[in-house]
Amino acid sequence: MCPPLTAGWELTTAVAVGETGQIVGGGRRFGRIGHGFLLTPIILGDLNGDGCVDLADLGTLLADFGCTPPASCPGDVDGDGDTDLADLGILLSNFGLGCP
């Protein structure tokens, strides 16, 4: 079994930061030098993964509002398993981030 892609990293050099906040650099993985990385920031509230917290994300959250485990809750922004007022607060505080 292979380790997760996030395991064993030591990030040593940042080479560039793009307009969308992506960071390119190099480092070691499991002690071996010469590995490159690309870090892409995650915006809390961007439920559809398009890089923008907008009405589509709000619609997903509202349609899922009140969802609790064991159901899968796509509107769960904070990762606690359910879609509630805390998730709505996070989404609204980030509303508009990443949008053109």
PDB file of N, CA and C in Angstrom:
ATOM      1  N   MET A   1       0.834  -1.180   0.000  1.00  0.00           N
ATOM      2  CA  MET A   1       0.000   0.000   0.000  1.00  0.00           C
ATOM      3  C   MET A   1       0.880   1.245   0.000  1.00  0.00           C
ATOM      4  N   CYS A   2       0.552   2.217  -0.832  1.00  0.00           N
ATOM      5  CA  CYS A   2       1.331   3.451  -0.948  1.00  0.00           C
ATOM      6  C   CYS A   2       0.911   4.452   0.119  1.00  0.00           C
ATOM      7  N   PRO A   3       1.865   5.277   0.606  1.00  0.00           N
ATOM      8  CA  PRO A   3       1.506   6.313   1.576  1.00  0.00           C
ATOM      9  C   PRO A   3       0.692   7.407   0.880  1.00  0.00           C
ATOM     10  N   PRO A   4      -0.086   8.173   1.647  1.00  0.00           N
ATOM     11  CA  PRO A   4      -0.840   9.285   1.051  1.00  0.00           C
ATOM     12  C   PRO A   4       0.102  10.292   0.399  1.00  0.00           C
ATOM     13  N   LEU A   5      -0.378  11.010  -0.608  1.00  0.00           N
ATOM     14  CA  LEU A   5       0.454  11.998  -1.304  1.00  0.00           C
ATOM     15  C   LEU A   5       0.950  13.096  -0.391  1.00  0.00           C
ATOM     16  N   THR A   6       0.270  13.325   0.719  1.00  0.00           N
ATOM     17  CA  THR A   6       0.668  14.389   1.640  1.00  0.00           C
ATOM     18  C   THR A   6       1.684  13.930   2.678  1.00  0.00           C
ATOM     19  N   ALA A   7       2.035  12.655   2.701  1.00  0.00           N
ATOM     20  CA  ALA A   7       2.921  12.111   3.737  1.00  0.00           C
ATOM     21  C   ALA A   7       4.395  12.328   3.405  1.00  0.00           C
ATOM     22  N   GLY A   8       5.193  12.570   4.440  1.00  0.00           N
ATOM     23  CA  GLY A   8       6.637  12.573   4.324  1.00  0.00           C
ATOM     24  C   GLY A   8       7.268  13.812   3.728  1.00  0.00           C
ATOM     25  N   TRP A   9       6.542  14.880   3.574  1.00  0.00           N
ATOM     26  CA  TRP A   9       7.074  16.077   2.919  1.00  0.00           C
ATOM     27  C   TRP A   9       7.785  17.010   3.895  1.00  0.00           C
ATOM     28  N   GLU A  10       8.868  17.622   3.418  1.00  0.00           N
ATOM     29  CA  GLU A  10       9.511  18.754   4.060  1.00  0.00           C
ATOM     30  C   GLU A  10       9.690  19.793   2.961  1.00  0.00           C
ATOM     31  N   LEU A  11       8.885  20.835   3.001  1.00  0.00           N
ATOM     32  CA  LEU A  11       8.928  21.869   1.972  1.00  0.00           C
ATOM     33  C   LEU A  11      10.052  22.833   2.305  1.00  0.00           C
ATOM     34  N   THR A  12      11.004  22.984   1.383  1.00  0.00           N
ATOM     35  CA  THR A  12      12.196  23.775   1.674  1.00  0.00           C
ATOM     36  C   THR A  12      12.306  25.066   0.881  1.00  0.00           C
ATOM     37  N   THR A  13      11.706  25.121  -0.313  1.00  0.00           N
ATOM     38  CA  THR A  13      11.866  26.289  -1.170  1.00  0.00           C
ATOM     39  C   THR A  13      10.552  26.638  -1.858  1.00  0.00           C
ATOM     40  N   ALA A  14      10.171  27.892  -1.775  1.00  0.00           N
ATOM     41  CA  ALA A  14       9.049  28.389  -2.570  1.00  0.00           C
ATOM     42  C   ALA A  14       9.637  29.186  -3.721  1.00  0.00           C
ATOM     43  N   VAL A  15       9.266  28.847  -4.942  1.00  0.00           N
ATOM     44  CA  VAL A  15       9.843  29.478  -6.122  1.00  0.00           C
ATOM     45  C   VAL A  15       8.951  30.601  -6.646  1.00  0.00           C
ATOM     46  N   ALA A  16       7.638  30.374  -6.635  1.00  0.00           N
ATOM     47  CA  ALA A  16       6.723  31.382  -7.184  1.00  0.00           C
ATOM     48  C   ALA A  16       5.345  31.239  -6.549  1.00  0.00           C
ATOM     49  N   VAL A  17       4.623  32.365  -6.530  1.00  0.00           N
ATOM     50  CA  VAL A  17       3.231  32.393  -6.084  1.00  0.00           C
ATOM     51  C   VAL A  17       2.410  32.979  -7.224  1.00  0.00           C
ATOM     52  N   GLY A  18       1.396  32.230  -7.678  1.00  0.00           N
ATOM     53  CA  GLY A  18       0.570  32.680  -8.794  1.00  0.00           C
ATOM     54  C   GLY A  18      -0.547  33.602  -8.349  1.00  0.00           C
ATOM     55  N   GLU A  19      -1.277  34.144  -9.323  1.00  0.00           N
ATOM     56  CA  GLU A  19      -2.370  35.081  -9.057  1.00  0.00           C
ATOM     57  C   GLU A  19      -3.485  34.465  -8.220  1.00  0.00           C
ATOM     58  N   THR A  20      -3.674  33.147  -8.342  1.00  0.00           N
ATOM     59  CA  THR A  20      -4.734  32.471  -7.588  1.00  0.00           C
ATOM     60  C   THR A  20      -4.248  31.960  -6.238  1.00  0.00           C
ATOM     61  N   GLY A  21      -2.991  32.262  -5.878  1.00  0.00           N
ATOM     62  CA  GLY A  21      -2.450  31.855  -4.593  1.00  0.00           C
ATOM     63  C   GLY A  21      -1.727  30.524  -4.602  1.00  0.00           C
ATOM     64  N   GLN A  22      -1.626  29.886  -5.780  1.00  0.00           N
ATOM     65  CA  GLN A  22      -0.884  28.623  -5.850  1.00  0.00           C
ATOM     66  C   GLN A  22       0.597  28.888  -5.619  1.00  0.00           C
ATOM     67  N   ILE A  23       1.239  27.975  -4.902  1.00  0.00           N
ATOM     68  CA  ILE A  23       2.664  28.095  -4.590  1.00  0.00           C
ATOM     69  C   ILE A  23       3.402  26.926  -5.222  1.00  0.00           C
ATOM     70  N   VAL A  24       4.473  27.232  -5.955  1.00  0.00           N
ATOM     71  CA  VAL A  24       5.317  26.224  -6.585  1.00  0.00           C
ATOM     72  C   VAL A  24       6.658  26.238  -5.875  1.00  0.00           C
ATOM     73  N   GLY A  25       7.196  25.060  -5.606  1.00  0.00           N
ATOM     74  CA  GLY A  25       8.484  25.011  -4.932  1.00  0.00           C
ATOM     75  C   GLY A  25       9.089  23.627  -4.955  1.00  0.00           C
ATOM     76  N   GLY A  26      10.063  23.437  -4.105  1.00  0.00           N
ATOM     77  CA  GLY A  26      10.754  22.158  -4.027  1.00  0.00           C
ATOM     78  C   GLY A  26      10.983  21.750  -2.593  1.00  0.00           C
ATOM     79  N   GLY A  27      11.318  20.487  -2.422  1.00  0.00           N
ATOM     80  CA  GLY A  27      11.555  19.996  -1.078  1.00  0.00           C
ATOM     81  C   GLY A  27      12.010  18.562  -1.058  1.00  0.00           C
ATOM     82  N   ARG A  28      11.906  17.957   0.107  1.00  0.00           N
ATOM     83  CA  ARG A  28      12.266  16.560   0.313  1.00  0.00           C
ATOM     84  C   ARG A  28      11.000  15.762   0.588  1.00  0.00           C
ATOM     85  N   ARG A  29      11.016  14.540   0.135  1.00  0.00           N
ATOM     86  CA  ARG A  29       9.930  13.625   0.487  1.00  0.00           C
ATOM     87  C   ARG A  29      10.578  12.353   0.989  1.00  0.00           C
ATOM     88  N   PHE A  30      10.247  11.995   2.227  1.00  0.00           N
ATOM     89  CA  PHE A  30      10.858  10.851   2.897  1.00  0.00           C
ATOM     90  C   PHE A  30      12.381  10.948   2.849  1.00  0.00           C
ATOM     91  N   GLY A  31      12.909  12.199   3.016  1.00  0.00           N
ATOM     92  CA  GLY A  31      14.343  12.425   3.081  1.00  0.00           C
ATOM     93  C   GLY A  31      15.048  12.535   1.740  1.00  0.00           C
ATOM     94  N   ARG A  32      14.367  12.270   0.651  1.00  0.00           N
ATOM     95  CA  ARG A  32      14.987  12.341  -0.679  1.00  0.00           C
ATOM     96  C   ARG A  32      14.747  13.720  -1.275  1.00  0.00           C
ATOM     97  N   ILE A  33      15.840  14.388  -1.684  1.00  0.00           N
ATOM     98  CA  ILE A  33      15.727  15.731  -2.251  1.00  0.00           C
ATOM     99  C   ILE A  33      15.286  15.657  -3.714  1.00  0.00           C
ATOM    100  N   GLY A  34      14.918  16.804  -4.252  1.00  0.00           N
ATOM    101  CA  GLY A  34      14.605  16.889  -5.672  1.00  0.00           C
ATOM    102  C   GLY A  34      13.141  16.687  -6.029  1.00  0.00           C
ATOM    103  N   HIS A  35      12.247  16.881  -5.078  1.00  0.00           N
ATOM    104  CA  HIS A  35      10.822  16.743  -5.373  1.00  0.00           C
ATOM    105  C   HIS A  35      10.190  18.127  -5.485  1.00  0.00           C
ATOM    106  N   GLY A  36       9.384  18.325  -6.517  1.00  0.00           N
ATOM    107  CA  GLY A  36       8.661  19.576  -6.693  1.00  0.00           C
ATOM    108  C   GLY A  36       7.262  19.464  -6.117  1.00  0.00           C
ATOM    109  N   PHE A  37       6.682  20.608  -5.771  1.00  0.00           N
ATOM    110  CA  PHE A  37       5.312  20.602  -5.259  1.00  0.00           C
ATOM    111  C   PHE A  37       4.524  21.778  -5.820  1.00  0.00           C
ATOM    112  N   LEU A  38       3.218  21.613  -5.828  1.00  0.00           N
ATOM    113  CA  LEU A  38       2.269  22.671  -6.164  1.00  0.00           C
ATOM    114  C   LEU A  38       1.203  22.672  -5.084  1.00  0.00           C
ATOM    115  N   LEU A  39       1.127  23.760  -4.333  1.00  0.00           N
ATOM    116  CA  LEU A  39       0.110  23.897  -3.290  1.00  0.00           C
ATOM    117  C   LEU A  39      -1.004  24.797  -3.820  1.00  0.00           C
ATOM    118  N   THR A  40      -2.227  24.328  -3.709  1.00  0.00           N
ATOM    119  CA  THR A  40      -3.382  25.106  -4.139  1.00  0.00           C
ATOM    120  C   THR A  40      -4.243  25.404  -2.920  1.00  0.00           C
ATOM    121  N   PRO A  41      -4.465  26.696  -2.620  1.00  0.00           N
ATOM    122  CA  PRO A  41      -5.261  27.029  -1.444  1.00  0.00           C
ATOM    123  C   PRO A  41      -6.712  26.583  -1.604  1.00  0.00           C
ATOM    124  N   ILE A  42      -7.292  26.189  -0.495  1.00  0.00           N
ATOM    125  CA  ILE A  42      -8.696  25.806  -0.459  1.00  0.00           C
ATOM    126  C   ILE A  42      -9.454  26.939   0.221  1.00  0.00           C
ATOM    127  N   ILE A  43     -10.517  27.387  -0.410  1.00  0.00           N
ATOM    128  CA  ILE A  43     -11.339  28.438   0.167  1.00  0.00           C
ATOM    129  C   ILE A  43     -12.527  27.774   0.850  1.00  0.00           C
ATOM    130  N   LEU A  44     -12.622  27.916   2.166  1.00  0.00           N
ATOM    131  CA  LEU A  44     -13.757  27.336   2.888  1.00  0.00           C
ATOM    132  C   LEU A  44     -15.049  27.953   2.383  1.00  0.00           C
ATOM    133  N   GLY A  45     -15.974  27.116   2.014  1.00  0.00           N
ATOM    134  CA  GLY A  45     -17.246  27.563   1.471  1.00  0.00           C
ATOM    135  C   GLY A  45     -17.365  27.318  -0.014  1.00  0.00           C
ATOM    136  N   ASP A  46     -16.248  27.035  -0.688  1.00  0.00           N
ATOM    137  CA  ASP A  46     -16.280  26.724  -2.123  1.00  0.00           C
ATOM    138  C   ASP A  46     -16.682  25.260  -2.282  1.00  0.00           C
ATOM    139  N   LEU A  47     -17.960  24.995  -2.178  1.00  0.00           N
ATOM    140  CA  LEU A  47     -18.450  23.617  -2.144  1.00  0.00           C
ATOM    141  C   LEU A  47     -18.358  22.896  -3.481  1.00  0.00           C
ATOM    142  N   ASN A  48     -18.388  23.630  -4.582  1.00  0.00           N
ATOM    143  CA  ASN A  48     -18.310  22.964  -5.887  1.00  0.00           C
ATOM    144  C   ASN A  48     -16.900  22.970  -6.466  1.00  0.00           C
ATOM    145  N   GLY A  49     -15.934  23.538  -5.751  1.00  0.00           N
ATOM    146  CA  GLY A  49     -14.533  23.470  -6.148  1.00  0.00           C
ATOM    147  C   GLY A  49     -14.155  24.293  -7.359  1.00  0.00           C
ATOM    148  N   ASP A  50     -14.937  25.343  -7.676  1.00  0.00           N
ATOM    149  CA  ASP A  50     -14.599  26.156  -8.839  1.00  0.00           C
ATOM    150  C   ASP A  50     -13.703  27.341  -8.495  1.00  0.00           C
ATOM    151  N   GLY A  51     -13.258  27.431  -7.231  1.00  0.00           N
ATOM    152  CA  GLY A  51     -12.352  28.494  -6.818  1.00  0.00           C
ATOM    153  C   GLY A  51     -13.037  29.782  -6.414  1.00  0.00           C
ATOM    154  N   CYS A  52     -14.361  29.764  -6.311  1.00  0.00           N
ATOM    155  CA  CYS A  52     -15.131  30.967  -6.016  1.00  0.00           C
ATOM    156  C   CYS A  52     -16.273  30.607  -5.069  1.00  0.00           C
ATOM    157  N   VAL A  53     -16.422  31.360  -3.981  1.00  0.00           N
ATOM    158  CA  VAL A  53     -17.547  31.156  -3.071  1.00  0.00           C
ATOM    159  C   VAL A  53     -18.675  32.069  -3.554  1.00  0.00           C
ATOM    160  N   ASP A  54     -19.712  31.466  -4.118  1.00  0.00           N
ATOM    161  CA  ASP A  54     -20.753  32.248  -4.767  1.00  0.00           C
ATOM    162  C   ASP A  54     -22.144  31.658  -4.511  1.00  0.00           C
ATOM    163  N   LEU A  55     -23.130  32.111  -5.287  1.00  0.00           N
ATOM    164  CA  LEU A  55     -24.506  31.675  -5.101  1.00  0.00           C
ATOM    165  C   LEU A  55     -24.682  30.177  -5.317  1.00  0.00           C
ATOM    166  N   ALA A  56     -23.893  29.582  -6.198  1.00  0.00           N
ATOM    167  CA  ALA A  56     -23.989  28.133  -6.411  1.00  0.00           C
ATOM    168  C   ALA A  56     -23.644  27.385  -5.123  1.00  0.00           C
ATOM    169  N   ASP A  57     -22.619  27.837  -4.428  1.00  0.00           N
ATOM    170  CA  ASP A  57     -22.230  27.204  -3.167  1.00  0.00           C
ATOM    171  C   ASP A  57     -23.291  27.425  -2.092  1.00  0.00           C
ATOM    172  N   LEU A  58     -23.827  28.629  -2.039  1.00  0.00           N
ATOM    173  CA  LEU A  58     -24.883  28.923  -1.080  1.00  0.00           C
ATOM    174  C   LEU A  58     -26.105  28.047  -1.346  1.00  0.00           C
ATOM    175  N   GLY A  59     -26.443  27.856  -2.620  1.00  0.00           N
ATOM    176  CA  GLY A  59     -27.570  26.990  -2.968  1.00  0.00           C
ATOM    177  C   GLY A  59     -27.354  25.562  -2.510  1.00  0.00           C
ATOM    178  N   THR A  60     -26.136  25.047  -2.681  1.00  0.00           N
ATOM    179  CA  THR A  60     -25.815  23.693  -2.227  1.00  0.00           C
ATOM    180  C   THR A  60     -25.988  23.584  -0.719  1.00  0.00           C
ATOM    181  N   LEU A  61     -25.458  24.569  -0.003  1.00  0.00           N
ATOM    182  CA  LEU A  61     -25.560  24.535   1.458  1.00  0.00           C
ATOM    183  C   LEU A  61     -27.017  24.602   1.911  1.00  0.00           C
ATOM    184  N   LEU A  62     -27.777  25.507   1.327  1.00  0.00           N
ATOM    185  CA  LEU A  62     -29.169  25.661   1.754  1.00  0.00           C
ATOM    186  C   LEU A  62     -30.008  24.431   1.418  1.00  0.00           C
ATOM    187  N   ALA A  63     -29.747  23.804   0.278  1.00  0.00           N
ATOM    188  CA  ALA A  63     -30.474  22.587  -0.095  1.00  0.00           C
ATOM    189  C   ALA A  63     -30.144  21.446   0.860  1.00  0.00           C
ATOM    190  N   ASP A  64     -28.958  21.486   1.442  1.00  0.00           N
ATOM    191  CA  ASP A  64     -28.482  20.425   2.330  1.00  0.00           C
ATOM    192  C   ASP A  64     -28.672  20.770   3.806  1.00  0.00           C
ATOM    193  N   PHE A  65     -29.202  21.950   4.091  1.00  0.00           N
ATOM    194  CA  PHE A  65     -29.286  22.433   5.470  1.00  0.00           C
ATOM    195  C   PHE A  65     -30.064  21.460   6.352  1.00  0.00           C
ATOM    196  N   GLY A  66     -29.501  21.150   7.504  1.00  0.00           N
ATOM    197  CA  GLY A  66     -30.116  20.214   8.443  1.00  0.00           C
ATOM    198  C   GLY A  66     -29.653  18.777   8.260  1.00  0.00           C
ATOM    199  N   CYS A  67     -28.835  18.530   7.266  1.00  0.00           N
ATOM    200  CA  CYS A  67     -28.304  17.183   7.030  1.00  0.00           C
ATOM    201  C   CYS A  67     -27.437  16.759   8.212  1.00  0.00           C
ATOM    202  N   THR A  68     -27.606  15.521   8.659  1.00  0.00           N
ATOM    203  CA  THR A  68     -26.796  14.980   9.754  1.00  0.00           C
ATOM    204  C   THR A  68     -26.355  13.562   9.400  1.00  0.00           C
ATOM    205  N   PRO A  69     -25.264  13.087  10.022  1.00  0.00           N
ATOM    206  CA  PRO A  69     -24.812  11.714   9.785  1.00  0.00           C
ATOM    207  C   PRO A  69     -25.896  10.729  10.178  1.00  0.00           C
ATOM    208  N   PRO A  70     -25.992   9.577   9.559  1.00  0.00           N
ATOM    209  CA  PRO A  70     -24.998   8.982   8.670  1.00  0.00           C
ATOM    210  C   PRO A  70     -25.107   9.417   7.220  1.00  0.00           C
ATOM    211  N   ALA A  71     -26.018  10.335   6.893  1.00  0.00           N
ATOM    212  CA  ALA A  71     -26.124  10.811   5.511  1.00  0.00           C
ATOM    213  C   ALA A  71     -24.855  11.553   5.117  1.00  0.00           C
ATOM    214  N   SER A  72     -24.543  11.544   3.831  1.00  0.00           N
ATOM    215  CA  SER A  72     -23.453  12.361   3.311  1.00  0.00           C
ATOM    216  C   SER A  72     -23.976  13.782   3.174  1.00  0.00           C
ATOM    217  N   CYS A  73     -23.261  14.743   3.726  1.00  0.00           N
ATOM    218  CA  CYS A  73     -23.732  16.127   3.772  1.00  0.00           C
ATOM    219  C   CYS A  73     -22.832  17.033   2.929  1.00  0.00           C
ATOM    220  N   PRO A  74     -23.178  17.264   1.654  1.00  0.00           N
ATOM    221  CA  PRO A  74     -22.320  18.069   0.784  1.00  0.00           C
ATOM    222  C   PRO A  74     -22.198  19.531   1.199  1.00  0.00           C
ATOM    223  N   GLY A  75     -23.086  20.017   2.059  1.00  0.00           N
ATOM    224  CA  GLY A  75     -23.010  21.395   2.516  1.00  0.00           C
ATOM    225  C   GLY A  75     -22.197  21.584   3.779  1.00  0.00           C
ATOM    226  N   ASP A  76     -21.546  20.531   4.256  1.00  0.00           N
ATOM    227  CA  ASP A  76     -20.766  20.570   5.494  1.00  0.00           C
ATOM    228  C   ASP A  76     -19.430  21.266   5.247  1.00  0.00           C
ATOM    229  N   VAL A  77     -19.371  22.554   5.511  1.00  0.00           N
ATOM    230  CA  VAL A  77     -18.170  23.352   5.251  1.00  0.00           C
ATOM    231  C   VAL A  77     -17.083  23.092   6.294  1.00  0.00           C
ATOM    232  N   ASP A  78     -17.465  22.964   7.561  1.00  0.00           N
ATOM    233  CA  ASP A  78     -16.470  22.861   8.632  1.00  0.00           C
ATOM    234  C   ASP A  78     -16.029  21.429   8.935  1.00  0.00           C
ATOM    235  N   GLY A  79     -16.593  20.447   8.237  1.00  0.00           N
ATOM    236  CA  GLY A  79     -16.141  19.065   8.378  1.00  0.00           C
ATOM    237  C   GLY A  79     -16.600  18.364   9.632  1.00  0.00           C
ATOM    238  N   ASP A  80     -17.617  18.891  10.322  1.00  0.00           N
ATOM    239  CA  ASP A  80     -18.070  18.234  11.545  1.00  0.00           C
ATOM    240  C   ASP A  80     -19.158  17.192  11.299  1.00  0.00           C
ATOM    241  N   GLY A  81     -19.516  16.987  10.025  1.00  0.00           N
ATOM    242  CA  GLY A  81     -20.458  15.929   9.680  1.00  0.00           C
ATOM    243  C   GLY A  81     -21.865  16.380   9.381  1.00  0.00           C
ATOM    244  N   ASP A  82     -22.232  17.586   9.819  1.00  0.00           N
ATOM    245  CA  ASP A  82     -23.588  18.049   9.554  1.00  0.00           C
ATOM    246  C   ASP A  82     -23.572  19.448   8.938  1.00  0.00           C
ATOM    247  N   THR A  83     -24.694  19.807   8.317  1.00  0.00           N
ATOM    248  CA  THR A  83     -24.821  21.119   7.691  1.00  0.00           C
ATOM    249  C   THR A  83     -25.721  21.974   8.572  1.00  0.00           C
ATOM    250  N   ASP A  84     -25.131  23.023   9.168  1.00  0.00           N
ATOM    251  CA  ASP A  84     -25.848  23.811  10.161  1.00  0.00           C
ATOM    252  C   ASP A  84     -25.462  25.286  10.074  1.00  0.00           C
ATOM    253  N   LEU A  85     -25.837  26.054  11.092  1.00  0.00           N
ATOM    254  CA  LEU A  85     -25.567  27.492  11.095  1.00  0.00           C
ATOM    255  C   LEU A  85     -24.070  27.813  11.071  1.00  0.00           C
ATOM    256  N   ALA A  86     -23.252  26.972  11.660  1.00  0.00           N
ATOM    257  CA  ALA A  86     -21.804  27.206  11.631  1.00  0.00           C
ATOM    258  C   ALA A  86     -21.296  27.169  10.189  1.00  0.00           C
ATOM    259  N   ASP A  87     -21.788  26.215   9.406  1.00  0.00           N
ATOM    260  CA  ASP A  87     -21.388  26.125   8.001  1.00  0.00           C
ATOM    261  C   ASP A  87     -21.847  27.359   7.223  1.00  0.00           C
ATOM    262  N   LEU A  88     -23.073  27.791   7.489  1.00  0.00           N
ATOM    263  CA  LEU A  88     -23.603  28.978   6.811  1.00  0.00           C
ATOM    264  C   LEU A  88     -22.767  30.206   7.163  1.00  0.00           C
ATOM    265  N   GLY A  89     -22.380  30.340   8.417  1.00  0.00           N
ATOM    266  CA  GLY A  89     -21.552  31.467   8.835  1.00  0.00           C
ATOM    267  C   GLY A  89     -20.208  31.493   8.125  1.00  0.00           C
ATOM    268  N   ILE A  90     -19.574  30.341   7.999  1.00  0.00           N
ATOM    269  CA  ILE A  90     -18.282  30.262   7.302  1.00  0.00           C
ATOM    270  C   ILE A  90     -18.450  30.652   5.846  1.00  0.00           C
ATOM    271  N   LEU A  91     -19.460  30.074   5.196  1.00  0.00           N
ATOM    272  CA  LEU A  91     -19.681  30.375   3.782  1.00  0.00           C
ATOM    273  C   LEU A  91     -19.947  31.866   3.585  1.00  0.00           C
ATOM    274  N   LEU A  92     -20.809  32.444   4.403  1.00  0.00           N
ATOM    275  CA  LEU A  92     -21.126  33.862   4.234  1.00  0.00           C
ATOM    276  C   LEU A  92     -19.924  34.759   4.521  1.00  0.00           C
ATOM    277  N   SER A  93     -19.077  34.375   5.474  1.00  0.00           N
ATOM    278  CA  SER A  93     -17.898  35.201   5.769  1.00  0.00           C
ATOM    279  C   SER A  93     -16.880  35.139   4.634  1.00  0.00           C
ATOM    280  N   ASN A  94     -16.924  34.085   3.818  1.00  0.00           N
ATOM    281  CA  ASN A  94     -16.002  33.948   2.688  1.00  0.00           C
ATOM    282  C   ASN A  94     -16.668  34.252   1.347  1.00  0.00           C
ATOM    283  N   PHE A  95     -17.925  34.669   1.386  1.00  0.00           N
ATOM    284  CA  PHE A  95     -18.676  34.902   0.160  1.00  0.00           C
ATOM    285  C   PHE A  95     -17.954  35.922  -0.724  1.00  0.00           C
ATOM    286  N   GLY A  96     -17.769  35.560  -1.979  1.00  0.00           N
ATOM    287  CA  GLY A  96     -17.094  36.416  -2.939  1.00  0.00           C
ATOM    288  C   GLY A  96     -15.609  36.141  -3.088  1.00  0.00           C
ATOM    289  N   LEU A  97     -15.012  35.381  -2.164  1.00  0.00           N
ATOM    290  CA  LEU A  97     -13.584  35.088  -2.272  1.00  0.00           C
ATOM    291  C   LEU A  97     -13.300  34.245  -3.514  1.00  0.00           C
ATOM    292  N   GLY A  98     -12.240  34.602  -4.201  1.00  0.00           N
ATOM    293  CA  GLY A  98     -11.817  33.856  -5.371  1.00  0.00           C
ATOM    294  C   GLY A  98     -12.593  34.165  -6.633  1.00  0.00           C
ATOM    295  N   CYS A  99     -13.616  35.001  -6.517  1.00  0.00           N
ATOM    296  CA  CYS A  99     -14.471  35.290  -7.662  1.00  0.00           C
ATOM    297  C   CYS A  99     -13.911  36.471  -8.456  1.00  0.00           C
ATOM    298  N   PRO A 100     -14.080  36.407  -9.769  1.00  0.00           N
ATOM    299  CA  PRO A 100     -13.594  37.526 -10.596  1.00  0.00           C
ATOM    300  C   PRO A 100     -14.410  38.789 -10.388  1.00  0.00           C
TER     301      PRO A 100
END
